[in-house]
Amino acid sequence: MAKKNYNYEKRAREIEKQKKKEEKLKKKQAKNNPENVENNEEIESTEEKK
């Protein structure tokens, strides 16, 4: 029987937590400075397309 790869599962959980944390931070920033967040999102979306 194959052995489970616990490190892979742990890393996947860590990445998920990190994404949630970043989304929360973006929401907080959007609440405080709605103008700046819109500009940052546009910049990020153009960088991802490259």
Protein backbone atom coordinates (compact mmCIF):
# COMPACT_ATOMS: atom_id res chain seq x y z
CA MET A 1 0.00 0.00 0.00
CA ALA A 2 1.25 3.48 -0.91
CA LYS A 3 2.42 5.84 1.78
CA LYS A 4 0.56 9.18 2.11
CA ASN A 5 2.46 12.34 1.28
CA TYR A 6 1.68 14.47 4.33
CA ASN A 7 4.10 17.21 3.33
CA TYR A 8 2.12 17.86 0.15
CA GLU A 9 -1.13 18.12 2.11
CA LYS A 10 0.46 20.44 4.67
CA ARG A 11 1.86 22.70 1.95
CA ALA A 12 -1.55 22.84 0.24
CA ARG A 13 -3.16 23.93 3.53
CA GLU A 14 -0.46 26.58 4.06
CA ILE A 15 -1.02 27.99 0.57
CA GLU A 16 -4.78 28.09 1.15
CA LYS A 17 -4.32 29.93 4.46
CA GLN A 18 -1.96 32.41 2.81
CA LYS A 19 -4.48 33.16 0.04
CA LYS A 20 -7.27 33.71 2.58
CA LYS A 21 -5.02 36.03 4.58
CA GLU A 22 -4.17 38.07 1.47
CA GLU A 23 -7.85 38.34 0.52
CA LYS A 24 -8.71 39.57 4.03
CA LEU A 25 -5.93 42.14 3.82
CA LYS A 26 -7.20 43.35 0.43
CA LYS A 27 -10.72 43.68 1.83
CA LYS A 28 -9.44 45.73 4.76
CA GLN A 29 -7.48 47.98 2.40
CA ALA A 30 -10.51 48.36 0.14
CA LYS A 31 -12.59 49.41 3.11
CA ASN A 32 -10.05 52.05 4.15
CA ASN A 33 -8.91 53.30 0.71
CA PRO A 34 -11.29 52.30 -2.09
CA GLU A 35 -9.44 54.36 -4.72
CA ASN A 36 -6.02 52.79 -4.12
CA VAL A 37 -7.29 49.20 -4.21
CA GLU A 38 -8.92 49.62 -7.62
CA ASN A 39 -5.65 50.87 -9.07
CA ASN A 40 -3.68 48.02 -7.46
CA GLU A 41 -6.08 45.41 -8.84
CA GLU A 42 -5.66 46.80 -12.36
CA ILE A 43 -1.88 46.65 -12.03
CA GLU A 44 -1.96 43.08 -10.67
CA SER A 45 -4.26 41.86 -13.42
CA THR A 46 -1.98 43.27 -16.14
CA GLU A 47 1.05 41.67 -14.49
CA GLU A 48 -0.64 38.28 -14.38
CA LYS A 49 -1.40 38.41 -18.11
CA LYS A 50 2.31 38.78 -18.98
